């Protein structure tokens, strides 16, 4: 059930939020990937990327990984601006509206 929910969420995410997904090469870890912060990820495990609304998912024991994140909020959130929160965990940050303060 969890797997089907994950597939549905990714399908909706790909369709509506203009996500970016790209491959990354990390150092080889004990059972998968070693992130730049020194975190050990097993194959299939993912960790929140604190700099984006996204996650890093280890894809192989040789350090190959996928980085997935949202560019804009999902349309059903009806946000007034196209900014993404980095304070919310993925994937909730894909539909959380943020308020922007003009500093100029």
PDB file of N, CA and C in Angstrom:
ATOM      1  N   UNK A   1       0.817  -1.188   0.000  1.00  0.00           N
ATOM      2  CA  UNK A   1       0.000   0.000   0.000  1.00  0.00           C
ATOM      3  C   UNK A   1       0.865   1.259   0.000  1.00  0.00           C
ATOM      4  N   UNK A   2       1.899   1.250   0.840  1.00  0.00           N
ATOM      5  CA  UNK A   2       2.808   2.393   0.902  1.00  0.00           C
ATOM      6  C   UNK A   2       3.463   2.627  -0.454  1.00  0.00           C
ATOM      7  N   UNK A   3       3.829   1.549  -1.145  1.00  0.00           N
ATOM      8  CA  UNK A   3       4.476   1.654  -2.447  1.00  0.00           C
ATOM      9  C   UNK A   3       3.529   2.276  -3.471  1.00  0.00           C
ATOM     10  N   UNK A   4       2.253   1.873  -3.468  1.00  0.00           N
ATOM     11  CA  UNK A   4       1.281   2.437  -4.404  1.00  0.00           C
ATOM     12  C   UNK A   4       1.028   3.911  -4.138  1.00  0.00           C
ATOM     13  N   UNK A   5       0.985   4.279  -2.869  1.00  0.00           N
ATOM     14  CA  UNK A   5       0.816   5.688  -2.514  1.00  0.00           C
ATOM     15  C   UNK A   5       2.007   6.508  -3.002  1.00  0.00           C
ATOM     16  N   UNK A   6       3.203   5.972  -2.859  1.00  0.00           N
ATOM     17  CA  UNK A   6       4.416   6.653  -3.327  1.00  0.00           C
ATOM     18  C   UNK A   6       4.372   6.838  -4.845  1.00  0.00           C
ATOM     19  N   UNK A   7       3.945   5.816  -5.586  1.00  0.00           N
ATOM     20  CA  UNK A   7       3.857   5.907  -7.049  1.00  0.00           C
ATOM     21  C   UNK A   7       2.829   6.960  -7.449  1.00  0.00           C
ATOM     22  N   UNK A   8       1.669   6.978  -6.802  1.00  0.00           N
ATOM     23  CA  UNK A   8       0.638   7.966  -7.101  1.00  0.00           C
ATOM     24  C   UNK A   8       1.128   9.376  -6.822  1.00  0.00           C
ATOM     25  N   UNK A   9       1.794   9.561  -5.690  1.00  0.00           N
ATOM     26  CA  UNK A   9       2.299  10.874  -5.333  1.00  0.00           C
ATOM     27  C   UNK A   9       3.331  11.354  -6.361  1.00  0.00           C
ATOM     28  N   UNK A  10       4.236  10.480  -6.764  1.00  0.00           N
ATOM     29  CA  UNK A  10       5.255  10.860  -7.748  1.00  0.00           C
ATOM     30  C   UNK A  10       4.613  11.170  -9.091  1.00  0.00           C
ATOM     31  N   UNK A  11       3.598  10.394  -9.495  1.00  0.00           N
ATOM     32  CA  UNK A  11       2.921  10.651 -10.765  1.00  0.00           C
ATOM     33  C   UNK A  11       2.243  12.022 -10.766  1.00  0.00           C
ATOM     34  N   UNK A  12       1.544  12.355  -9.691  1.00  0.00           N
ATOM     35  CA  UNK A  12       0.921  13.680  -9.587  1.00  0.00           C
ATOM     36  C   UNK A  12       1.968  14.781  -9.533  1.00  0.00           C
ATOM     37  N   UNK A  13       3.007  14.521  -8.811  1.00  0.00           N
ATOM     38  CA  UNK A  13       4.085  15.494  -8.667  1.00  0.00           C
ATOM     39  C   UNK A  13       4.726  15.783 -10.010  1.00  0.00           C
ATOM     40  N   UNK A  14       5.013  14.732 -10.790  1.00  0.00           N
ATOM     41  CA  UNK A  14       5.635  14.897 -12.103  1.00  0.00           C
ATOM     42  C   UNK A  14       4.704  15.640 -13.045  1.00  0.00           C
ATOM     43  N   UNK A  15       3.412  15.371 -12.939  1.00  0.00           N
ATOM     44  CA  UNK A  15       2.449  15.978 -13.850  1.00  0.00           C
ATOM     45  C   UNK A  15       2.217  17.461 -13.592  1.00  0.00           C
ATOM     46  N   UNK A  16       2.231  17.871 -12.328  1.00  0.00           N
ATOM     47  CA  UNK A  16       1.746  19.203 -12.008  1.00  0.00           C
ATOM     48  C   UNK A  16       2.731  20.174 -11.368  1.00  0.00           C
ATOM     49  N   UNK A  17       3.852  19.744 -10.867  1.00  0.00           N
ATOM     50  CA  UNK A  17       4.684  20.680 -10.114  1.00  0.00           C
ATOM     51  C   UNK A  17       6.000  21.040 -10.801  1.00  0.00           C
ATOM     52  N   UNK A  18       6.188  20.607 -12.011  1.00  0.00           N
ATOM     53  CA  UNK A  18       7.437  20.850 -12.741  1.00  0.00           C
ATOM     54  C   UNK A  18       8.648  20.468 -11.892  1.00  0.00           C
ATOM     55  N   UNK A  19       8.704  19.215 -11.509  1.00  0.00           N
ATOM     56  CA  UNK A  19       9.828  18.809 -10.661  1.00  0.00           C
ATOM     57  C   UNK A  19      11.110  18.679 -11.464  1.00  0.00           C
ATOM     58  N   UNK A  20      12.178  18.744 -10.766  1.00  0.00           N
ATOM     59  CA  UNK A  20      13.466  18.455 -11.357  1.00  0.00           C
ATOM     60  C   UNK A  20      13.958  17.152 -10.755  1.00  0.00           C
ATOM     61  N   UNK A  21      14.402  16.279 -11.588  1.00  0.00           N
ATOM     62  CA  UNK A  21      14.989  15.020 -11.150  1.00  0.00           C
ATOM     63  C   UNK A  21      16.285  14.877 -11.919  1.00  0.00           C
ATOM     64  N   UNK A  22      17.356  14.678 -11.208  1.00  0.00           N
ATOM     65  CA  UNK A  22      18.610  14.463 -11.907  1.00  0.00           C
ATOM     66  C   UNK A  22      19.468  13.476 -11.153  1.00  0.00           C
ATOM     67  N   UNK A  23      20.354  12.863 -11.897  1.00  0.00           N
ATOM     68  CA  UNK A  23      21.249  11.870 -11.327  1.00  0.00           C
ATOM     69  C   UNK A  23      22.430  12.566 -10.666  1.00  0.00           C
ATOM     70  N   UNK A  24      22.936  11.937  -9.624  1.00  0.00           N
ATOM     71  CA  UNK A  24      24.106  12.460  -8.927  1.00  0.00           C
ATOM     72  C   UNK A  24      25.013  11.289  -8.577  1.00  0.00           C
ATOM     73  N   UNK A  25      26.269  11.569  -8.486  1.00  0.00           N
ATOM     74  CA  UNK A  25      27.235  10.549  -8.097  1.00  0.00           C
ATOM     75  C   UNK A  25      27.860  10.955  -6.768  1.00  0.00           C
ATOM     76  N   UNK A  26      27.626  10.162  -5.745  1.00  0.00           N
ATOM     77  CA  UNK A  26      28.217  10.379  -4.432  1.00  0.00           C
ATOM     78  C   UNK A  26      29.310   9.347  -4.214  1.00  0.00           C
ATOM     79  N   UNK A  27      30.037   9.509  -3.139  1.00  0.00           N
ATOM     80  CA  UNK A  27      31.043   8.511  -2.788  1.00  0.00           C
ATOM     81  C   UNK A  27      30.357   7.214  -2.400  1.00  0.00           C
ATOM     82  N   UNK A  28      31.044   6.131  -2.639  1.00  0.00           N
ATOM     83  CA  UNK A  28      30.521   4.817  -2.287  1.00  0.00           C
ATOM     84  C   UNK A  28      30.520   4.676  -0.772  1.00  0.00           C
ATOM     85  N   UNK A  29      29.358   4.314  -0.225  1.00  0.00           N
ATOM     86  CA  UNK A  29      29.233   4.119   1.210  1.00  0.00           C
ATOM     87  C   UNK A  29      29.327   2.648   1.574  1.00  0.00           C
ATOM     88  N   UNK A  30      29.072   2.337   2.837  1.00  0.00           N
ATOM     89  CA  UNK A  30      29.148   0.955   3.316  1.00  0.00           C
ATOM     90  C   UNK A  30      28.138   0.065   2.588  1.00  0.00           C
ATOM     91  N   UNK A  31      26.902   0.528   2.442  1.00  0.00           N
ATOM     92  CA  UNK A  31      25.865  -0.242   1.754  1.00  0.00           C
ATOM     93  C   UNK A  31      25.125   0.594   0.725  1.00  0.00           C
ATOM     94  N   UNK A  32      25.733   1.621   0.210  1.00  0.00           N
ATOM     95  CA  UNK A  32      25.051   2.473  -0.759  1.00  0.00           C
ATOM     96  C   UNK A  32      25.804   3.750  -1.043  1.00  0.00           C
ATOM     97  N   UNK A  33      25.291   4.858  -0.523  1.00  0.00           N
ATOM     98  CA  UNK A  33      25.825   6.180  -0.848  1.00  0.00           C
ATOM     99  C   UNK A  33      26.315   6.897   0.408  1.00  0.00           C
ATOM    100  N   UNK A  34      27.313   7.718   0.219  1.00  0.00           N
ATOM    101  CA  UNK A  34      27.818   8.587   1.273  1.00  0.00           C
ATOM    102  C   UNK A  34      27.601  10.013   0.780  1.00  0.00           C
ATOM    103  N   UNK A  35      26.674  10.748   1.416  1.00  0.00           N
ATOM    104  CA  UNK A  35      26.349  12.095   0.954  1.00  0.00           C
ATOM    105  C   UNK A  35      27.492  13.060   1.263  1.00  0.00           C
ATOM    106  N   UNK A  36      27.376  14.269   0.732  1.00  0.00           N
ATOM    107  CA  UNK A  36      28.400  15.289   0.959  1.00  0.00           C
ATOM    108  C   UNK A  36      28.518  15.651   2.439  1.00  0.00           C
ATOM    109  N   UNK A  37      27.424  15.483   3.205  1.00  0.00           N
ATOM    110  CA  UNK A  37      27.448  15.763   4.639  1.00  0.00           C
ATOM    111  C   UNK A  37      27.947  14.572   5.450  1.00  0.00           C
ATOM    112  N   UNK A  38      28.304  13.477   4.782  1.00  0.00           N
ATOM    113  CA  UNK A  38      28.818  12.303   5.474  1.00  0.00           C
ATOM    114  C   UNK A  38      27.760  11.321   5.939  1.00  0.00           C
ATOM    115  N   UNK A  39      26.521  11.489   5.487  1.00  0.00           N
ATOM    116  CA  UNK A  39      25.441  10.587   5.873  1.00  0.00           C
ATOM    117  C   UNK A  39      25.499   9.309   5.050  1.00  0.00           C
ATOM    118  N   UNK A  40      25.355   8.176   5.697  1.00  0.00           N
ATOM    119  CA  UNK A  40      25.309   6.880   5.033  1.00  0.00           C
ATOM    120  C   UNK A  40      23.871   6.588   4.623  1.00  0.00           C
ATOM    121  N   UNK A  41      23.653   6.333   3.346  1.00  0.00           N
ATOM    122  CA  UNK A  41      22.336   5.960   2.853  1.00  0.00           C
ATOM    123  C   UNK A  41      22.409   4.571   2.247  1.00  0.00           C
ATOM    124  N   UNK A  42      21.481   3.711   2.622  1.00  0.00           N
ATOM    125  CA  UNK A  42      21.382   2.405   2.000  1.00  0.00           C
ATOM    126  C   UNK A  42      20.623   2.547   0.692  1.00  0.00           C
ATOM    127  N   UNK A  43      20.746   1.562  -0.178  1.00  0.00           N
ATOM    128  CA  UNK A  43      20.039   1.585  -1.454  1.00  0.00           C
ATOM    129  C   UNK A  43      18.538   1.667  -1.183  1.00  0.00           C
ATOM    130  N   UNK A  44      17.863   2.631  -1.821  1.00  0.00           N
ATOM    131  CA  UNK A  44      16.436   2.839  -1.643  1.00  0.00           C
ATOM    132  C   UNK A  44      16.094   3.829  -0.543  1.00  0.00           C
ATOM    133  N   UNK A  45      17.033   4.175   0.285  1.00  0.00           N
ATOM    134  CA  UNK A  45      16.786   5.124   1.371  1.00  0.00           C
ATOM    135  C   UNK A  45      16.945   6.544   0.844  1.00  0.00           C
ATOM    136  N   UNK A  46      16.193   7.475   1.430  1.00  0.00           N
ATOM    137  CA  UNK A  46      16.327   8.869   1.012  1.00  0.00           C
ATOM    138  C   UNK A  46      16.440   9.774   2.217  1.00  0.00           C
ATOM    139  N   UNK A  47      16.985  10.967   1.973  1.00  0.00           N
ATOM    140  CA  UNK A  47      17.178  11.958   3.023  1.00  0.00           C
ATOM    141  C   UNK A  47      16.738  13.313   2.482  1.00  0.00           C
ATOM    142  N   UNK A  48      16.166  14.129   3.346  1.00  0.00           N
ATOM    143  CA  UNK A  48      15.710  15.473   2.980  1.00  0.00           C
ATOM    144  C   UNK A  48      16.894  16.346   2.583  1.00  0.00           C
ATOM    145  N   UNK A  49      16.759  17.094   1.507  1.00  0.00           N
ATOM    146  CA  UNK A  49      17.755  18.083   1.106  1.00  0.00           C
ATOM    147  C   UNK A  49      17.332  19.409   1.719  1.00  0.00           C
ATOM    148  N   UNK A  50      18.100  19.931   2.651  1.00  0.00           N
ATOM    149  CA  UNK A  50      17.722  21.144   3.380  1.00  0.00           C
ATOM    150  C   UNK A  50      17.816  22.419   2.545  1.00  0.00           C
ATOM    151  N   UNK A  51      18.477  22.360   1.390  1.00  0.00           N
ATOM    152  CA  UNK A  51      18.623  23.549   0.554  1.00  0.00           C
ATOM    153  C   UNK A  51      17.495  23.705  -0.458  1.00  0.00           C
ATOM    154  N   UNK A  52      16.703  22.663  -0.657  1.00  0.00           N
ATOM    155  CA  UNK A  52      15.606  22.706  -1.622  1.00  0.00           C
ATOM    156  C   UNK A  52      14.382  22.025  -1.019  1.00  0.00           C
ATOM    157  N   UNK A  53      13.300  22.044  -1.757  1.00  0.00           N
ATOM    158  CA  UNK A  53      12.121  21.256  -1.406  1.00  0.00           C
ATOM    159  C   UNK A  53      12.304  19.920  -2.116  1.00  0.00           C
ATOM    160  N   UNK A  54      13.155  19.092  -1.567  1.00  0.00           N
ATOM    161  CA  UNK A  54      13.452  17.846  -2.253  1.00  0.00           C
ATOM    162  C   UNK A  54      14.144  16.815  -1.384  1.00  0.00           C
ATOM    163  N   UNK A  55      14.461  15.691  -2.022  1.00  0.00           N
ATOM    164  CA  UNK A  55      15.117  14.580  -1.351  1.00  0.00           C
ATOM    165  C   UNK A  55      16.243  14.035  -2.219  1.00  0.00           C
ATOM    166  N   UNK A  56      17.166  13.375  -1.544  1.00  0.00           N
ATOM    167  CA  UNK A  56      18.241  12.639  -2.207  1.00  0.00           C
ATOM    168  C   UNK A  56      17.964  11.168  -1.948  1.00  0.00           C
ATOM    169  N   UNK A  57      17.883  10.363  -3.009  1.00  0.00           N
ATOM    170  CA  UNK A  57      17.579   8.936  -2.874  1.00  0.00           C
ATOM    171  C   UNK A  57      18.730   8.124  -3.442  1.00  0.00           C
ATOM    172  N   UNK A  58      19.268   7.224  -2.641  1.00  0.00           N
ATOM    173  CA  UNK A  58      20.363   6.361  -3.063  1.00  0.00           C
ATOM    174  C   UNK A  58      19.824   5.288  -4.004  1.00  0.00           C
ATOM    175  N   UNK A  59      20.466   5.124  -5.153  1.00  0.00           N
ATOM    176  CA  UNK A  59      19.997   4.191  -6.174  1.00  0.00           C
ATOM    177  C   UNK A  59      20.882   2.966  -6.342  1.00  0.00           C
ATOM    178  N   UNK A  60      22.112   2.991  -5.828  1.00  0.00           N
ATOM    179  CA  UNK A  60      22.987   1.845  -6.030  1.00  0.00           C
ATOM    180  C   UNK A  60      24.139   1.826  -5.046  1.00  0.00           C
ATOM    181  N   UNK A  61      24.747   0.664  -4.926  1.00  0.00           N
ATOM    182  CA  UNK A  61      25.865   0.507  -3.988  1.00  0.00           C
ATOM    183  C   UNK A  61      27.135   1.205  -4.449  1.00  0.00           C
ATOM    184  N   UNK A  62      27.127   1.692  -5.669  1.00  0.00           N
ATOM    185  CA  UNK A  62      28.302   2.390  -6.194  1.00  0.00           C
ATOM    186  C   UNK A  62      28.224   3.899  -5.990  1.00  0.00           C
ATOM    187  N   UNK A  63      27.223   4.383  -5.250  1.00  0.00           N
ATOM    188  CA  UNK A  63      27.105   5.805  -4.947  1.00  0.00           C
ATOM    189  C   UNK A  63      26.183   6.575  -5.861  1.00  0.00           C
ATOM    190  N   UNK A  64      25.530   5.898  -6.814  1.00  0.00           N
ATOM    191  CA  UNK A  64      24.604   6.593  -7.709  1.00  0.00           C
ATOM    192  C   UNK A  64      23.341   6.968  -6.946  1.00  0.00           C
ATOM    193  N   UNK A  65      22.846   8.183  -7.213  1.00  0.00           N
ATOM    194  CA  UNK A  65      21.676   8.684  -6.496  1.00  0.00           C
ATOM    195  C   UNK A  65      20.816   9.527  -7.422  1.00  0.00           C
ATOM    196  N   UNK A  66      19.584   9.752  -7.003  1.00  0.00           N
ATOM    197  CA  UNK A  66      18.673  10.674  -7.673  1.00  0.00           C
ATOM    198  C   UNK A  66      18.361  11.806  -6.713  1.00  0.00           C
ATOM    199  N   UNK A  67      18.336  13.011  -7.237  1.00  0.00           N
ATOM    200  CA  UNK A  67      17.928  14.166  -6.457  1.00  0.00           C
ATOM    201  C   UNK A  67      16.624  14.654  -7.076  1.00  0.00           C
ATOM    202  N   UNK A  68      15.565  14.712  -6.261  1.00  0.00           N
ATOM    203  CA  UNK A  68      14.242  15.101  -6.742  1.00  0.00           C
ATOM    204  C   UNK A  68      13.763  16.295  -5.922  1.00  0.00           C
ATOM    205  N   UNK A  69      13.253  17.328  -6.603  1.00  0.00           N
ATOM    206  CA  UNK A  69      12.709  18.467  -5.877  1.00  0.00           C
ATOM    207  C   UNK A  69      11.702  19.228  -6.711  1.00  0.00           C
ATOM    208  N   UNK A  70      10.860  20.013  -6.064  1.00  0.00           N
ATOM    209  CA  UNK A  70       9.812  20.806  -6.724  1.00  0.00           C
ATOM    210  C   UNK A  70      10.354  22.186  -7.075  1.00  0.00           C
ATOM    211  N   UNK A  71       9.939  22.674  -8.233  1.00  0.00           N
ATOM    212  CA  UNK A  71      10.290  24.032  -8.638  1.00  0.00           C
ATOM    213  C   UNK A  71       9.242  25.040  -8.185  1.00  0.00           C
ATOM    214  N   UNK A  72       7.980  24.665  -8.350  1.00  0.00           N
ATOM    215  CA  UNK A  72       6.865  25.548  -7.991  1.00  0.00           C
ATOM    216  C   UNK A  72       5.839  24.735  -7.205  1.00  0.00           C
ATOM    217  N   UNK A  73       4.944  25.401  -6.459  1.00  0.00           N
ATOM    218  CA  UNK A  73       3.902  24.661  -5.734  1.00  0.00           C
ATOM    219  C   UNK A  73       2.926  23.991  -6.699  1.00  0.00           C
ATOM    220  N   UNK A  74       2.317  22.911  -6.258  1.00  0.00           N
ATOM    221  CA  UNK A  74       1.290  22.246  -7.055  1.00  0.00           C
ATOM    222  C   UNK A  74       0.117  23.190  -7.280  1.00  0.00           C
ATOM    223  N   UNK A  75      -0.524  23.142  -8.453  1.00  0.00           N
ATOM    224  CA  UNK A  75      -1.608  24.079  -8.761  1.00  0.00           C
ATOM    225  C   UNK A  75      -2.781  24.023  -7.794  1.00  0.00           C
ATOM    226  N   UNK A  76      -3.115  22.844  -7.254  1.00  0.00           N
ATOM    227  CA  UNK A  76      -4.272  22.773  -6.365  1.00  0.00           C
ATOM    228  C   UNK A  76      -4.058  23.546  -5.065  1.00  0.00           C
ATOM    229  N   UNK A  77      -2.819  23.918  -4.741  1.00  0.00           N
ATOM    230  CA  UNK A  77      -2.557  24.720  -3.544  1.00  0.00           C
ATOM    231  C   UNK A  77      -3.023  26.159  -3.726  1.00  0.00           C
ATOM    232  N   UNK A  78      -3.175  26.583  -4.977  1.00  0.00           N
ATOM    233  CA  UNK A  78      -3.632  27.930  -5.324  1.00  0.00           C
ATOM    234  C   UNK A  78      -2.836  29.012  -4.594  1.00  0.00           C
ATOM    235  N   UNK A  79      -1.522  28.889  -4.645  1.00  0.00           N
ATOM    236  CA  UNK A  79      -0.640  29.873  -4.018  1.00  0.00           C
ATOM    237  C   UNK A  79      -0.592  31.147  -4.859  1.00  0.00           C
ATOM    238  N   UNK A  80      -0.437  32.275  -4.217  1.00  0.00           N
ATOM    239  CA  UNK A  80      -0.407  33.544  -4.936  1.00  0.00           C
ATOM    240  C   UNK A  80       0.956  33.807  -5.584  1.00  0.00           C
ATOM    241  N   UNK A  81       2.001  33.147  -5.097  1.00  0.00           N
ATOM    242  CA  UNK A  81       3.339  33.278  -5.682  1.00  0.00           C
ATOM    243  C   UNK A  81       3.924  31.882  -5.906  1.00  0.00           C
ATOM    244  N   UNK A  82       4.872  31.789  -6.801  1.00  0.00           N
ATOM    245  CA  UNK A  82       5.489  30.504  -7.131  1.00  0.00           C
ATOM    246  C   UNK A  82       6.795  30.292  -6.376  1.00  0.00           C
ATOM    247  N   UNK A  83       6.740  30.387  -5.065  1.00  0.00           N
ATOM    248  CA  UNK A  83       7.917  30.136  -4.240  1.00  0.00           C
ATOM    249  C   UNK A  83       7.689  28.876  -3.419  1.00  0.00           C
ATOM    250  N   UNK A  84       8.765  28.205  -3.105  1.00  0.00           N
ATOM    251  CA  UNK A  84       8.712  26.927  -2.390  1.00  0.00           C
ATOM    252  C   UNK A  84       9.311  27.096  -0.994  1.00  0.00           C
ATOM    253  N   UNK A  85       8.708  26.448  -0.040  1.00  0.00           N
ATOM    254  CA  UNK A  85       9.218  26.456   1.331  1.00  0.00           C
ATOM    255  C   UNK A  85      10.309  25.398   1.490  1.00  0.00           C
ATOM    256  N   UNK A  86      11.403  25.755   2.111  1.00  0.00           N
ATOM    257  CA  UNK A  86      12.433  24.766   2.442  1.00  0.00           C
ATOM    258  C   UNK A  86      12.325  24.338   3.899  1.00  0.00           C
ATOM    259  N   UNK A  87      11.360  24.904   4.618  1.00  0.00           N
ATOM    260  CA  UNK A  87      11.169  24.546   6.022  1.00  0.00           C
ATOM    261  C   UNK A  87      10.301  23.299   6.180  1.00  0.00           C
ATOM    262  N   UNK A  88       9.452  23.015   5.212  1.00  0.00           N
ATOM    263  CA  UNK A  88       8.562  21.854   5.262  1.00  0.00           C
ATOM    264  C   UNK A  88       9.279  20.632   4.685  1.00  0.00           C
ATOM    265  N   UNK A  89       8.966  19.448   5.178  1.00  0.00           N
ATOM    266  CA  UNK A  89       9.572  18.236   4.617  1.00  0.00           C
ATOM    267  C   UNK A  89       8.987  17.907   3.245  1.00  0.00           C
ATOM    268  N   UNK A  90       9.750  17.209   2.458  1.00  0.00           N
ATOM    269  CA  UNK A  90       9.299  16.744   1.147  1.00  0.00           C
ATOM    270  C   UNK A  90       8.347  15.574   1.349  1.00  0.00           C
ATOM    271  N   UNK A  91       7.241  15.459   0.679  1.00  0.00           N
ATOM    272  CA  UNK A  91       6.721  16.262  -0.427  1.00  0.00           C
ATOM    273  C   UNK A  91       5.764  17.360   0.005  1.00  0.00           C
ATOM    274  N   UNK A  92       5.512  17.514   1.315  1.00  0.00           N
ATOM    275  CA  UNK A  92       4.564  18.532   1.774  1.00  0.00           C
ATOM    276  C   UNK A  92       4.964  19.926   1.301  1.00  0.00           C
ATOM    277  N   UNK A  93       6.251  20.184   1.155  1.00  0.00           N
ATOM    278  CA  UNK A  93       6.695  21.501   0.692  1.00  0.00           C
ATOM    279  C   UNK A  93       6.247  21.790  -0.745  1.00  0.00           C
ATOM    280  N   UNK A  94       5.857  20.765  -1.498  1.00  0.00           N
ATOM    281  CA  UNK A  94       5.402  20.954  -2.882  1.00  0.00           C
ATOM    282  C   UNK A  94       4.024  21.597  -2.960  1.00  0.00           C
ATOM    283  N   UNK A  95       3.255  21.586  -1.877  1.00  0.00           N
ATOM    284  CA  UNK A  95       1.935  22.207  -1.893  1.00  0.00           C
ATOM    285  C   UNK A  95       1.718  23.179  -0.730  1.00  0.00           C
ATOM    286  N   UNK A  96       2.789  23.610  -0.087  1.00  0.00           N
ATOM    287  CA  UNK A  96       2.688  24.579   0.993  1.00  0.00           C
ATOM    288  C   UNK A  96       2.972  25.976   0.443  1.00  0.00           C
ATOM    289  N   UNK A  97       2.028  26.878   0.607  1.00  0.00           N
ATOM    290  CA  UNK A  97       2.213  28.255   0.139  1.00  0.00           C
ATOM    291  C   UNK A  97       3.108  29.017   1.113  1.00  0.00           C
ATOM    292  N   UNK A  98       3.911  29.910   0.581  1.00  0.00           N
ATOM    293  CA  UNK A  98       4.771  30.741   1.419  1.00  0.00           C
ATOM    294  C   UNK A  98       4.412  32.207   1.186  1.00  0.00           C
ATOM    295  N   UNK A  99       4.673  33.022   2.183  1.00  0.00           N
ATOM    296  CA  UNK A  99       4.472  34.459   2.067  1.00  0.00           C
ATOM    297  C   UNK A  99       5.830  35.093   1.876  1.00  0.00           C
ATOM    298  N   UNK A 100       5.910  35.989   0.906  1.00  0.00           N
ATOM    299  CA  UNK A 100       7.176  36.606   0.540  1.00  0.00           C
ATOM    300  C   UNK A 100       7.181  38.047   1.040  1.00  0.00           C
ATOM    301  N   UNK A 101       8.286  38.451   1.633  1.00  0.00           N
ATOM    302  CA  UNK A 101       8.444  39.818   2.107  1.00  0.00           C
ATOM    303  C   UNK A 101       9.430  40.530   1.189  1.00  0.00           C
ATOM    304  N   UNK A 102       9.015  41.638   0.650  1.00  0.00           N
ATOM    305  CA  UNK A 102       9.887  42.415  -0.227  1.00  0.00           C
ATOM    306  C   UNK A 102      10.859  43.212   0.633  1.00  0.00           C
ATOM    307  N   UNK A 103      12.135  42.929   0.520  1.00  0.00           N
ATOM    308  CA  UNK A 103      13.148  43.566   1.367  1.00  0.00           C
ATOM    309  C   UNK A 103      13.714  44.848   0.745  1.00  0.00           C
ATOM    310  N   UNK A 104      13.255  45.227  -0.416  1.00  0.00           N
ATOM    311  CA  UNK A 104      13.808  46.402  -1.071  1.00  0.00           C
ATOM    312  C   UNK A 104      13.073  47.647  -0.709  1.00  0.00           C
TER     313      UNK A 104
END
